[in-house]
Amino acid sequence: ILPEKEHLFKKHLSKHSIGAYRELCRGVGVSFEAVLAPESSNTTEQKLLKGRGGANVGGQVISSHEISFTTVIEQLKRDKFKMAAELSKLHDQAAKATDLKHLAEEEAAQSKLVIQAAEADKQILQQEVQNLTGMVEYFRNTTANSVNEVLNRLKLDLNLDLYTSG
């Protein structure tokens, strides 16, 4: 309650003039706000508040005479700010996780390409080995045949030399 409006609450409402009623209507939520009366009646809500020693607003226990719309609104604003900060933090974590996932997928794709290239190189090398093996066999056979021919000619030449000299 603003000090200049306290006079409106010093006497019973039925004792006020029409001007006071108008002033009350214009001042609700601006100059003053409704709060729970401190044990003026035994409503269920007041019994609960009295039994607990106050209300739990946003994790804070507030005594029954401190409960007001402003108190609740301020606490809700604080809670909203905390939740927004936590949400922002979670968004950042999700973005980082998504980035890491994309990096891992790119690395996996690159690894797959490297493996495919290696397999292609392996096949090419295996084909070259087969070709070289064939060439080795060809040259071995050719060399063996040539050596056999040379040996056979030498034998013939030796045999001829032995027959002619003997």
N, C-alpha and C. Protein backbone atom coordinates (compact mmCIF):
# COMPACT_ATOMS: atom_id res chain seq x y z
N ILE A 1 0.86 -1.18 0.00
CA ILE A 1 0.00 0.00 0.00
C ILE A 1 0.90 1.23 0.00
N LEU A 2 0.59 2.12 -0.93
CA LEU A 2 1.31 3.39 -0.92
C LEU A 2 0.83 4.22 0.27
N PRO A 3 1.71 4.97 0.90
CA PRO A 3 1.32 5.73 2.10
C PRO A 3 0.12 6.66 1.86
N GLU A 4 0.04 7.25 0.69
CA GLU A 4 -1.08 8.18 0.45
C GLU A 4 -2.43 7.48 0.30
N LYS A 5 -2.43 6.13 0.24
CA LYS A 5 -3.69 5.37 0.11
C LYS A 5 -4.05 4.64 1.39
N GLU A 6 -3.23 4.74 2.42
CA GLU A 6 -3.50 4.04 3.67
C GLU A 6 -4.81 4.45 4.31
N HIS A 7 -5.21 5.68 4.14
CA HIS A 7 -6.45 6.15 4.77
C HIS A 7 -7.68 5.37 4.28
N LEU A 8 -7.59 4.79 3.09
CA LEU A 8 -8.72 4.02 2.55
C LEU A 8 -8.94 2.71 3.32
N PHE A 9 -7.94 2.28 4.07
CA PHE A 9 -8.03 1.00 4.76
C PHE A 9 -8.15 1.15 6.27
N LYS A 10 -8.31 2.37 6.74
CA LYS A 10 -8.38 2.59 8.18
C LYS A 10 -9.79 2.43 8.73
N LYS A 11 -10.77 2.46 7.84
CA LYS A 11 -12.14 2.23 8.31
C LYS A 11 -12.83 1.22 7.41
N HIS A 12 -13.93 0.71 7.89
CA HIS A 12 -14.67 -0.32 7.17
C HIS A 12 -15.17 0.24 5.85
N LEU A 13 -15.27 -0.62 4.84
CA LEU A 13 -15.67 -0.17 3.50
C LEU A 13 -17.05 0.49 3.48
N SER A 14 -17.93 0.00 4.29
CA SER A 14 -19.29 0.55 4.29
C SER A 14 -19.33 1.98 4.83
N LYS A 15 -18.29 2.42 5.46
CA LYS A 15 -18.24 3.76 6.04
C LYS A 15 -17.62 4.78 5.07
N HIS A 16 -17.18 4.33 3.89
CA HIS A 16 -16.53 5.22 2.92
C HIS A 16 -17.54 5.88 2.01
N SER A 17 -17.10 6.96 1.38
CA SER A 17 -17.92 7.67 0.41
C SER A 17 -17.72 7.05 -0.97
N ILE A 18 -18.52 7.53 -1.94
CA ILE A 18 -18.41 7.05 -3.31
C ILE A 18 -17.04 7.40 -3.88
N GLY A 19 -16.50 8.53 -3.54
CA GLY A 19 -15.17 8.94 -4.01
C GLY A 19 -14.10 7.95 -3.55
N ALA A 20 -14.24 7.47 -2.31
CA ALA A 20 -13.28 6.50 -1.79
C ALA A 20 -13.39 5.18 -2.57
N TYR A 21 -14.63 4.80 -2.90
CA TYR A 21 -14.82 3.58 -3.70
C TYR A 21 -14.15 3.71 -5.07
N ARG A 22 -14.33 4.87 -5.67
CA ARG A 22 -13.70 5.11 -6.98
C ARG A 22 -12.18 5.05 -6.85
N GLU A 23 -11.67 5.66 -5.80
CA GLU A 23 -10.22 5.65 -5.57
C GLU A 23 -9.72 4.22 -5.37
N LEU A 24 -10.50 3.41 -4.65
CA LEU A 24 -10.14 2.01 -4.46
C LEU A 24 -10.13 1.25 -5.80
N CYS A 25 -11.14 1.47 -6.61
CA CYS A 25 -11.22 0.79 -7.91
C CYS A 25 -10.04 1.15 -8.81
N ARG A 26 -9.66 2.42 -8.84
CA ARG A 26 -8.54 2.85 -9.68
C ARG A 26 -7.19 2.38 -9.11
N GLY A 27 -7.10 2.19 -7.82
CA GLY A 27 -5.82 1.87 -7.19
C GLY A 27 -5.47 0.40 -7.13
N VAL A 28 -6.45 -0.49 -7.40
CA VAL A 28 -6.18 -1.93 -7.31
C VAL A 28 -5.08 -2.30 -8.30
N GLY A 29 -4.04 -2.91 -7.79
CA GLY A 29 -2.92 -3.34 -8.62
C GLY A 29 -1.95 -2.22 -8.96
N VAL A 30 -2.30 -0.97 -8.62
CA VAL A 30 -1.42 0.16 -8.91
C VAL A 30 -0.86 0.71 -7.60
N SER A 31 -1.76 1.17 -6.73
CA SER A 31 -1.35 1.74 -5.45
C SER A 31 -1.32 0.71 -4.34
N PHE A 32 -2.06 -0.37 -4.51
CA PHE A 32 -2.12 -1.43 -3.51
C PHE A 32 -2.57 -2.70 -4.21
N GLU A 33 -2.44 -3.80 -3.51
CA GLU A 33 -2.91 -5.07 -4.05
C GLU A 33 -3.47 -5.91 -2.92
N ALA A 34 -4.25 -6.90 -3.31
CA ALA A 34 -4.89 -7.75 -2.32
C ALA A 34 -3.88 -8.74 -1.77
N VAL A 35 -3.92 -8.94 -0.47
CA VAL A 35 -3.08 -9.94 0.19
C VAL A 35 -3.95 -10.73 1.15
N LEU A 36 -3.48 -11.87 1.53
CA LEU A 36 -4.21 -12.71 2.47
C LEU A 36 -4.14 -12.08 3.85
N ALA A 37 -5.30 -11.96 4.47
CA ALA A 37 -5.35 -11.37 5.81
C ALA A 37 -4.70 -12.32 6.81
N PRO A 38 -3.96 -11.76 7.78
CA PRO A 38 -3.26 -12.63 8.74
C PRO A 38 -4.20 -13.20 9.79
N GLU A 39 -4.85 -14.32 9.49
CA GLU A 39 -5.72 -15.05 10.41
C GLU A 39 -7.00 -14.31 10.77
N SER A 40 -7.57 -13.56 9.82
CA SER A 40 -8.83 -12.89 10.13
C SER A 40 -10.00 -13.86 10.09
N SER A 41 -9.86 -14.94 9.33
CA SER A 41 -10.88 -15.99 9.31
C SER A 41 -10.18 -17.32 9.15
N ASN A 42 -10.88 -18.37 9.36
CA ASN A 42 -10.26 -19.69 9.29
C ASN A 42 -10.61 -20.40 7.98
N THR A 43 -10.21 -19.82 6.87
CA THR A 43 -10.44 -20.49 5.59
C THR A 43 -9.47 -21.65 5.46
N THR A 44 -9.78 -22.56 4.58
CA THR A 44 -8.92 -23.73 4.37
C THR A 44 -7.52 -23.29 3.97
N GLU A 45 -7.45 -22.30 3.07
CA GLU A 45 -6.14 -21.83 2.62
C GLU A 45 -5.33 -21.27 3.78
N GLN A 46 -6.00 -20.49 4.64
CA GLN A 46 -5.28 -19.91 5.78
C GLN A 46 -4.84 -20.99 6.75
N LYS A 47 -5.66 -22.02 6.93
CA LYS A 47 -5.27 -23.11 7.81
C LYS A 47 -4.03 -23.82 7.27
N LEU A 48 -4.00 -24.02 5.95
CA LEU A 48 -2.84 -24.64 5.34
C LEU A 48 -1.60 -23.78 5.52
N LEU A 49 -1.77 -22.49 5.29
CA LEU A 49 -0.64 -21.57 5.44
C LEU A 49 -0.17 -21.55 6.88
N LYS A 50 -1.12 -21.52 7.81
CA LYS A 50 -0.77 -21.46 9.21
C LYS A 50 -0.06 -22.75 9.63
N GLY A 51 -0.55 -23.89 9.13
CA GLY A 51 0.04 -25.18 9.47
C GLY A 51 1.46 -25.31 8.93
N ARG A 52 1.71 -24.70 7.78
CA ARG A 52 3.04 -24.79 7.17
C ARG A 52 3.91 -23.60 7.52
N GLY A 53 3.33 -22.61 8.09
CA GLY A 53 4.08 -21.40 8.42
C GLY A 53 4.20 -20.47 7.24
N GLY A 54 3.49 -20.73 6.16
CA GLY A 54 3.53 -19.86 4.99
C GLY A 54 3.27 -20.65 3.73
N ALA A 55 3.38 -19.97 2.60
CA ALA A 55 3.15 -20.60 1.31
C ALA A 55 4.49 -20.88 0.64
N ASN A 56 4.51 -21.91 -0.17
CA ASN A 56 5.71 -22.23 -0.93
C ASN A 56 5.54 -21.62 -2.32
N VAL A 57 6.26 -20.55 -2.58
CA VAL A 57 6.18 -19.87 -3.87
C VAL A 57 7.54 -19.98 -4.53
N GLY A 58 7.60 -20.77 -5.60
CA GLY A 58 8.85 -20.93 -6.33
C GLY A 58 9.98 -21.47 -5.48
N GLY A 59 9.65 -22.36 -4.55
CA GLY A 59 10.68 -22.96 -3.73
C GLY A 59 11.00 -22.15 -2.47
N GLN A 60 10.38 -20.99 -2.31
CA GLN A 60 10.61 -20.17 -1.13
C GLN A 60 9.36 -20.19 -0.26
N VAL A 61 9.54 -20.34 1.05
CA VAL A 61 8.41 -20.29 1.96
C VAL A 61 8.19 -18.83 2.34
N ILE A 62 6.98 -18.37 2.06
CA ILE A 62 6.64 -16.99 2.34
C ILE A 62 5.53 -16.99 3.38
N SER A 63 5.67 -16.19 4.43
CA SER A 63 4.65 -16.18 5.47
C SER A 63 3.36 -15.62 4.91
N SER A 64 2.26 -15.96 5.57
CA SER A 64 0.94 -15.60 5.05
C SER A 64 0.76 -14.09 4.90
N HIS A 65 1.37 -13.27 5.75
CA HIS A 65 1.18 -11.82 5.63
C HIS A 65 2.06 -11.21 4.55
N GLU A 66 3.02 -11.99 4.01
CA GLU A 66 3.90 -11.49 2.95
C GLU A 66 3.40 -11.84 1.55
N ILE A 67 2.39 -12.73 1.47
CA ILE A 67 1.93 -13.17 0.16
C ILE A 67 1.17 -12.04 -0.52
N SER A 68 1.63 -11.69 -1.71
CA SER A 68 0.95 -10.70 -2.52
C SER A 68 1.19 -11.06 -3.97
N PHE A 69 0.41 -10.44 -4.83
CA PHE A 69 0.60 -10.70 -6.25
C PHE A 69 2.00 -10.30 -6.68
N THR A 70 2.49 -9.20 -6.17
CA THR A 70 3.82 -8.73 -6.53
C THR A 70 4.88 -9.74 -6.13
N THR A 71 4.74 -10.29 -4.90
CA THR A 71 5.69 -11.29 -4.42
C THR A 71 5.68 -12.51 -5.34
N VAL A 72 4.49 -12.98 -5.66
CA VAL A 72 4.35 -14.15 -6.52
C VAL A 72 4.90 -13.85 -7.91
N ILE A 73 4.56 -12.69 -8.44
CA ILE A 73 5.03 -12.30 -9.78
C ILE A 73 6.55 -12.21 -9.81
N GLU A 74 7.13 -11.58 -8.81
CA GLU A 74 8.60 -11.46 -8.77
C GLU A 74 9.25 -12.83 -8.70
N GLN A 75 8.67 -13.72 -7.87
CA GLN A 75 9.24 -15.06 -7.78
C GLN A 75 9.08 -15.79 -9.10
N LEU A 76 7.94 -15.65 -9.75
CA LEU A 76 7.73 -16.29 -11.04
C LEU A 76 8.69 -15.74 -12.10
N LYS A 77 8.98 -14.44 -12.03
CA LYS A 77 9.95 -13.84 -12.95
C LYS A 77 11.34 -14.43 -12.73
N ARG A 78 11.72 -14.59 -11.46
CA ARG A 78 13.02 -15.20 -11.15
C ARG A 78 13.07 -16.64 -11.67
N ASP A 79 11.98 -17.38 -11.43
CA ASP A 79 11.92 -18.76 -11.90
C ASP A 79 12.00 -18.81 -13.42
N LYS A 80 11.30 -17.90 -14.08
CA LYS A 80 11.31 -17.85 -15.54
C LYS A 80 12.72 -17.56 -16.05
N PHE A 81 13.42 -16.64 -15.40
CA PHE A 81 14.79 -16.31 -15.79
C PHE A 81 15.70 -17.53 -15.64
N LYS A 82 15.57 -18.23 -14.49
CA LYS A 82 16.39 -19.43 -14.26
C LYS A 82 16.09 -20.49 -15.32
N MET A 83 14.81 -20.69 -15.61
CA MET A 83 14.43 -21.70 -16.59
C MET A 83 14.91 -21.31 -17.98
N ALA A 84 14.85 -20.03 -18.31
CA ALA A 84 15.34 -19.57 -19.62
C ALA A 84 16.84 -19.80 -19.73
N ALA A 85 17.56 -19.54 -18.66
CA ALA A 85 19.01 -19.77 -18.66
C ALA A 85 19.30 -21.26 -18.82
N GLU A 86 18.55 -22.09 -18.11
CA GLU A 86 18.74 -23.53 -18.21
C GLU A 86 18.39 -24.02 -19.61
N LEU A 87 17.30 -23.49 -20.18
CA LEU A 87 16.90 -23.86 -21.53
C LEU A 87 17.98 -23.46 -22.53
N SER A 88 18.53 -22.28 -22.36
CA SER A 88 19.60 -21.82 -23.24
C SER A 88 20.81 -22.74 -23.14
N LYS A 89 21.13 -23.14 -21.92
CA LYS A 89 22.26 -24.05 -21.70
C LYS A 89 21.99 -25.39 -22.39
N LEU A 90 20.76 -25.89 -22.27
CA LEU A 90 20.41 -27.15 -22.91
C LEU A 90 20.45 -27.04 -24.43
N HIS A 91 20.00 -25.88 -24.95
CA HIS A 91 20.08 -25.65 -26.40
C HIS A 91 21.53 -25.68 -26.87
N ASP A 92 22.41 -25.03 -26.10
CA ASP A 92 23.84 -25.01 -26.44
C ASP A 92 24.41 -26.42 -26.42
N GLN A 93 24.04 -27.20 -25.40
CA GLN A 93 24.53 -28.58 -25.31
C GLN A 93 24.02 -29.41 -26.49
N ALA A 94 22.75 -29.20 -26.85
CA ALA A 94 22.19 -29.94 -27.99
C ALA A 94 22.88 -29.55 -29.28
N ALA A 95 23.18 -28.26 -29.44
CA ALA A 95 23.87 -27.80 -30.64
C ALA A 95 25.27 -28.41 -30.71
N LYS A 96 25.98 -28.45 -29.58
CA LYS A 96 27.31 -29.05 -29.55
C LYS A 96 27.23 -30.54 -29.88
N ALA A 97 26.24 -31.21 -29.32
CA ALA A 97 26.08 -32.65 -29.58
C ALA A 97 25.78 -32.88 -31.06
N THR A 98 24.96 -32.02 -31.65
CA THR A 98 24.64 -32.14 -33.07
C THR A 98 25.89 -31.91 -33.91
N ASP A 99 26.68 -30.90 -33.55
CA ASP A 99 27.92 -30.63 -34.27
C ASP A 99 28.87 -31.82 -34.18
N LEU A 100 29.00 -32.39 -32.98
CA LEU A 100 29.87 -33.56 -32.81
C LEU A 100 29.37 -34.75 -33.63
N LYS A 101 28.06 -34.90 -33.68
CA LYS A 101 27.48 -35.99 -34.46
C LYS A 101 27.81 -35.80 -35.94
N HIS A 102 27.66 -34.57 -36.44
CA HIS A 102 27.97 -34.29 -37.84
C HIS A 102 29.45 -34.55 -38.13
N LEU A 103 30.33 -34.12 -37.22
CA LEU A 103 31.76 -34.37 -37.40
C LEU A 103 32.05 -35.87 -37.45
N ALA A 104 31.44 -36.61 -36.55
CA ALA A 104 31.64 -38.06 -36.51
C ALA A 104 31.12 -38.70 -37.81
N GLU A 105 29.98 -38.23 -38.30
CA GLU A 105 29.43 -38.77 -39.55
C GLU A 105 30.36 -38.45 -40.73
N GLU A 106 30.91 -37.23 -40.75
CA GLU A 106 31.84 -36.86 -41.81
C GLU A 106 33.10 -37.71 -41.75
N GLU A 107 33.63 -37.92 -40.54
CA GLU A 107 34.82 -38.76 -40.39
C GLU A 107 34.52 -40.19 -40.81
N ALA A 108 33.35 -40.69 -40.47
CA ALA A 108 32.98 -42.05 -40.87
C ALA A 108 32.88 -42.14 -42.39
N ALA A 109 32.30 -41.12 -43.03
CA ALA A 109 32.19 -41.11 -44.49
C ALA A 109 33.59 -41.06 -45.12
N GLN A 110 34.48 -40.24 -44.57
CA GLN A 110 35.84 -40.16 -45.09
C GLN A 110 36.57 -41.49 -44.91
N SER A 111 36.39 -42.10 -43.75
CA SER A 111 37.02 -43.39 -43.50
C SER A 111 36.51 -44.44 -44.48
N LYS A 112 35.22 -44.40 -44.77
CA LYS A 112 34.63 -45.34 -45.72
C LYS A 112 35.25 -45.15 -47.10
N LEU A 113 35.43 -43.88 -47.51
CA LEU A 113 36.06 -43.61 -48.80
C LEU A 113 37.50 -44.10 -48.83
N VAL A 114 38.23 -43.88 -47.73
CA VAL A 114 39.62 -44.34 -47.65
C VAL A 114 39.67 -45.86 -47.75
N ILE A 115 38.77 -46.53 -47.07
CA ILE A 115 38.72 -48.00 -47.11
C ILE A 115 38.40 -48.48 -48.52
N GLN A 116 37.43 -47.84 -49.18
CA GLN A 116 37.08 -48.22 -50.55
C GLN A 116 38.27 -48.02 -51.49
N ALA A 117 38.97 -46.91 -51.33
CA ALA A 117 40.15 -46.65 -52.16
C ALA A 117 41.23 -47.69 -51.89
N ALA A 118 41.43 -48.04 -50.64
CA ALA A 118 42.42 -49.05 -50.29
C ALA A 118 42.06 -50.41 -50.89
N GLU A 119 40.77 -50.75 -50.84
CA GLU A 119 40.32 -52.01 -51.43
C GLU A 119 40.55 -52.02 -52.94
N ALA A 120 40.28 -50.88 -53.59
CA ALA A 120 40.52 -50.79 -55.03
C ALA A 120 42.01 -50.93 -55.33
N ASP A 121 42.85 -50.27 -54.54
CA ASP A 121 44.29 -50.39 -54.71
C ASP A 121 44.75 -51.83 -54.49
N LYS A 122 44.17 -52.48 -53.51
CA LYS A 122 44.51 -53.88 -53.22
C LYS A 122 44.20 -54.76 -54.42
N GLN A 123 43.03 -54.55 -55.02
CA GLN A 123 42.64 -55.35 -56.18
C GLN A 123 43.60 -55.10 -57.35
N ILE A 124 43.96 -53.84 -57.55
CA ILE A 124 44.91 -53.50 -58.62
C ILE A 124 46.24 -54.18 -58.36
N LEU A 125 46.72 -54.11 -57.13
CA LEU A 125 48.01 -54.73 -56.78
C LEU A 125 47.95 -56.25 -56.93
N GLN A 126 46.82 -56.85 -56.55
CA GLN A 126 46.68 -58.29 -56.72
C GLN A 126 46.73 -58.67 -58.20
N GLN A 127 46.11 -57.86 -59.04
CA GLN A 127 46.15 -58.12 -60.49
C GLN A 127 47.58 -57.97 -61.01
N GLU A 128 48.29 -56.96 -60.53
CA GLU A 128 49.69 -56.78 -60.94
C GLU A 128 50.54 -57.96 -60.48
N VAL A 129 50.30 -58.44 -59.26
CA VAL A 129 51.04 -59.61 -58.77
C VAL A 129 50.79 -60.81 -59.68
N GLN A 130 49.53 -61.02 -60.07
CA GLN A 130 49.20 -62.13 -60.96
C GLN A 130 49.91 -61.96 -62.30
N ASN A 131 49.89 -60.73 -62.83
CA ASN A 131 50.56 -60.46 -64.10
C ASN A 131 52.06 -60.72 -63.98
N LEU A 132 52.66 -60.23 -62.91
CA LEU A 132 54.10 -60.42 -62.72
C LEU A 132 54.43 -61.90 -62.50
N THR A 133 53.56 -62.61 -61.80
CA THR A 133 53.77 -64.04 -61.59
C THR A 133 53.76 -64.76 -62.94
N GLY A 134 52.83 -64.37 -63.79
CA GLY A 134 52.77 -64.96 -65.13
C GLY A 134 54.02 -64.64 -65.92
N MET A 135 54.50 -63.42 -65.82
CA MET A 135 55.71 -63.03 -66.53
C MET A 135 56.92 -63.81 -66.00
N VAL A 136 56.99 -63.97 -64.69
CA VAL A 136 58.09 -64.73 -64.09
C VAL A 136 58.08 -66.15 -64.61
N GLU A 137 56.88 -66.76 -64.64
CA GLU A 137 56.76 -68.13 -65.15
C GLU A 137 57.19 -68.19 -66.62
N TYR A 138 56.76 -67.21 -67.39
CA TYR A 138 57.13 -67.18 -68.81
C TYR A 138 58.65 -67.09 -68.96
N PHE A 139 59.28 -66.13 -68.23
CA PHE A 139 60.73 -65.98 -68.35
C PHE A 139 61.47 -67.20 -67.79
N ARG A 140 60.96 -67.81 -66.75
CA ARG A 140 61.58 -69.01 -66.20
C ARG A 140 61.54 -70.12 -67.24
N ASN A 141 60.37 -70.31 -67.83
CA ASN A 141 60.25 -71.35 -68.86
C ASN A 141 61.12 -71.04 -70.07
N THR A 142 61.10 -69.78 -70.48
CA THR A 142 61.91 -69.38 -71.63
C THR A 142 63.39 -69.58 -71.34
N THR A 143 63.81 -69.15 -70.15
CA THR A 143 65.21 -69.30 -69.76
C THR A 143 65.58 -70.77 -69.66
N ALA A 144 64.70 -71.56 -69.07
CA ALA A 144 64.96 -73.00 -68.93
C ALA A 144 65.07 -73.64 -70.31
N ASN A 145 64.19 -73.27 -71.19
CA ASN A 145 64.24 -73.82 -72.55
C ASN A 145 65.53 -73.40 -73.26
N SER A 146 65.89 -72.15 -73.10
CA SER A 146 67.13 -71.65 -73.74
C SER A 146 68.34 -72.35 -73.18
N VAL A 147 68.39 -72.54 -71.87
CA VAL A 147 69.50 -73.22 -71.23
C VAL A 147 69.56 -74.66 -71.72
N ASN A 148 68.40 -75.31 -71.82
CA ASN A 148 68.36 -76.68 -72.30
C ASN A 148 68.87 -76.77 -73.74
N GLU A 149 68.47 -75.81 -74.55
CA GLU A 149 68.94 -75.80 -75.95
C GLU A 149 70.45 -75.63 -76.00
N VAL A 150 70.97 -74.71 -75.19
CA VAL A 150 72.41 -74.47 -75.17
C VAL A 150 73.14 -75.72 -74.69
N LEU A 151 72.64 -76.36 -73.67
CA LEU A 151 73.26 -77.57 -73.15
C LEU A 151 73.23 -78.70 -74.20
N ASN A 152 72.09 -78.80 -74.84
CA ASN A 152 71.97 -79.84 -75.87
C ASN A 152 72.95 -79.58 -77.01
N ARG A 153 73.13 -78.34 -77.42
CA ARG A 153 74.07 -78.01 -78.48
C ARG A 153 75.51 -78.30 -78.03
N LEU A 154 75.77 -77.96 -76.78
CA LEU A 154 77.10 -78.23 -76.25
C LEU A 154 77.39 -79.73 -76.23
N LYS A 155 76.39 -80.48 -75.83
CA LYS A 155 76.56 -81.95 -75.82
C LYS A 155 76.82 -82.46 -77.24
N LEU A 156 76.05 -81.95 -78.14
CA LEU A 156 76.22 -82.37 -79.53
C LEU A 156 77.61 -81.97 -80.03
N ASP A 157 78.01 -80.76 -79.71
CA ASP A 157 79.32 -80.28 -80.14
C ASP A 157 80.42 -81.13 -79.49
N LEU A 158 80.23 -81.48 -78.25
CA LEU A 158 81.21 -82.29 -77.54
C LEU A 158 81.25 -83.71 -78.13
N ASN A 159 80.08 -84.22 -78.40
CA ASN A 159 80.02 -85.57 -78.97
C ASN A 159 80.67 -85.57 -80.36
N LEU A 160 80.43 -84.57 -81.11
CA LEU A 160 81.02 -84.50 -82.44
C LEU A 160 82.53 -84.36 -82.33
N ASP A 161 82.98 -83.57 -81.38
CA ASP A 161 84.40 -83.38 -81.18
C ASP A 161 85.04 -84.69 -80.72
N LEU A 162 84.37 -85.46 -79.92
CA LEU A 162 84.91 -86.71 -79.44
C LEU A 162 84.98 -87.74 -80.60
N TYR A 163 83.98 -87.71 -81.45
CA TYR A 163 83.97 -88.66 -82.57
C TYR A 163 85.01 -88.27 -83.59
N THR A 164 85.19 -87.03 -83.82
CA THR A 164 86.16 -86.59 -84.83
C THR A 164 87.58 -86.69 -84.30
N SER A 165 87.81 -86.58 -83.12
CA SER A 165 89.18 -86.64 -82.61
C SER A 165 89.54 -88.10 -82.27
N GLY A 166 88.69 -88.96 -82.19
CA GLY A 166 88.95 -90.28 -81.77
C GLY A 166 89.07 -91.32 -82.71
